[in-house]
Amino acid sequence: MRASVGDRLVVEGTYGGELRKEGIIVRVEHDDGSPPYIVRWLEDGHETLVFPGPDARVVAGAR
């Protein structure tokens, strides 16, 4: 997985009742775009350090 600042991280709910989460990548820790990422979640604006799992995907932002 590779990402850049401004890309969207989408995490699909994998358990019953969990919903999809979407956030904007605001910081990439490595020059090659590999995880972890600092993500600002759209639902509440909270920022967290994320190590994406197999249920996550990156959607390219406007560049």
Protein backbone atom coordinates (compact mmCIF):
# COMPACT_ATOMS: atom_id res chain seq x y z
CA MET A 1 0.00 0.00 0.00
CA ARG A 2 1.27 3.44 -0.97
CA ALA A 3 -0.32 6.81 -0.22
CA SER A 4 0.29 10.53 -0.31
CA VAL A 5 -0.99 13.42 1.76
CA GLY A 6 -4.52 14.22 0.58
CA ASP A 7 -5.42 10.67 -0.36
CA ARG A 8 -8.46 9.09 1.25
CA LEU A 9 -8.21 5.99 3.43
CA VAL A 10 -11.30 3.78 3.34
CA VAL A 11 -11.66 1.03 5.95
CA GLU A 12 -14.52 -1.40 5.32
CA GLY A 13 -16.41 -2.77 8.32
CA THR A 14 -15.49 -6.44 8.71
CA TYR A 15 -17.71 -7.36 11.65
CA GLY A 16 -21.49 -7.27 11.92
CA GLY A 17 -22.70 -3.77 12.60
CA GLU A 18 -19.42 -2.01 11.80
CA LEU A 19 -19.67 0.67 9.16
CA ARG A 20 -17.17 1.90 6.63
CA LYS A 21 -14.81 4.58 7.95
CA GLU A 22 -13.27 7.18 5.70
CA GLY A 23 -10.54 9.66 6.41
CA ILE A 24 -8.04 11.96 4.76
CA ILE A 25 -4.35 11.14 5.04
CA VAL A 26 -2.73 14.22 6.56
CA ARG A 27 0.79 12.84 7.09
CA VAL A 28 2.81 10.01 5.59
CA GLU A 29 5.57 8.70 7.84
CA HIS A 30 7.84 7.23 5.10
CA ASP A 31 9.22 8.79 1.92
CA ASP A 32 8.06 5.80 -0.15
CA GLY A 33 4.41 6.29 0.90
CA SER A 34 4.20 3.11 2.96
CA PRO A 35 2.28 2.98 6.27
CA PRO A 36 1.76 4.11 8.93
CA TYR A 37 -0.30 7.21 8.16
CA ILE A 38 -1.80 10.00 10.22
CA VAL A 39 -5.48 10.07 9.24
CA ARG A 40 -8.16 12.68 9.99
CA TRP A 41 -11.45 10.78 10.15
CA LEU A 42 -14.33 12.47 8.33
CA GLU A 43 -16.98 11.49 10.88
CA ASP A 44 -15.50 13.48 13.77
CA GLY A 45 -12.21 15.14 12.69
CA HIS A 46 -10.21 12.99 15.10
CA GLU A 47 -6.62 12.27 13.97
CA THR A 48 -4.99 8.90 14.60
CA LEU A 49 -1.90 6.93 13.62
CA VAL A 50 -3.09 4.11 11.36
CA PHE A 51 -1.40 0.89 10.29
CA PRO A 52 -3.93 -0.17 7.61
CA GLY A 53 -5.00 -3.80 7.49
CA PRO A 54 -6.37 -5.93 4.66
CA ASP A 55 -9.79 -4.29 4.98
CA ALA A 56 -8.36 -0.87 4.00
CA ARG A 57 -7.71 0.78 0.67
CA VAL A 58 -6.31 4.10 -0.52
CA VAL A 59 -8.23 6.30 -2.94
CA ALA A 60 -6.04 8.86 -4.68
CA GLY A 61 -6.87 12.47 -3.92
CA ALA A 62 -6.63 15.42 -6.27
CA ARG A 63 -3.03 16.12 -7.16
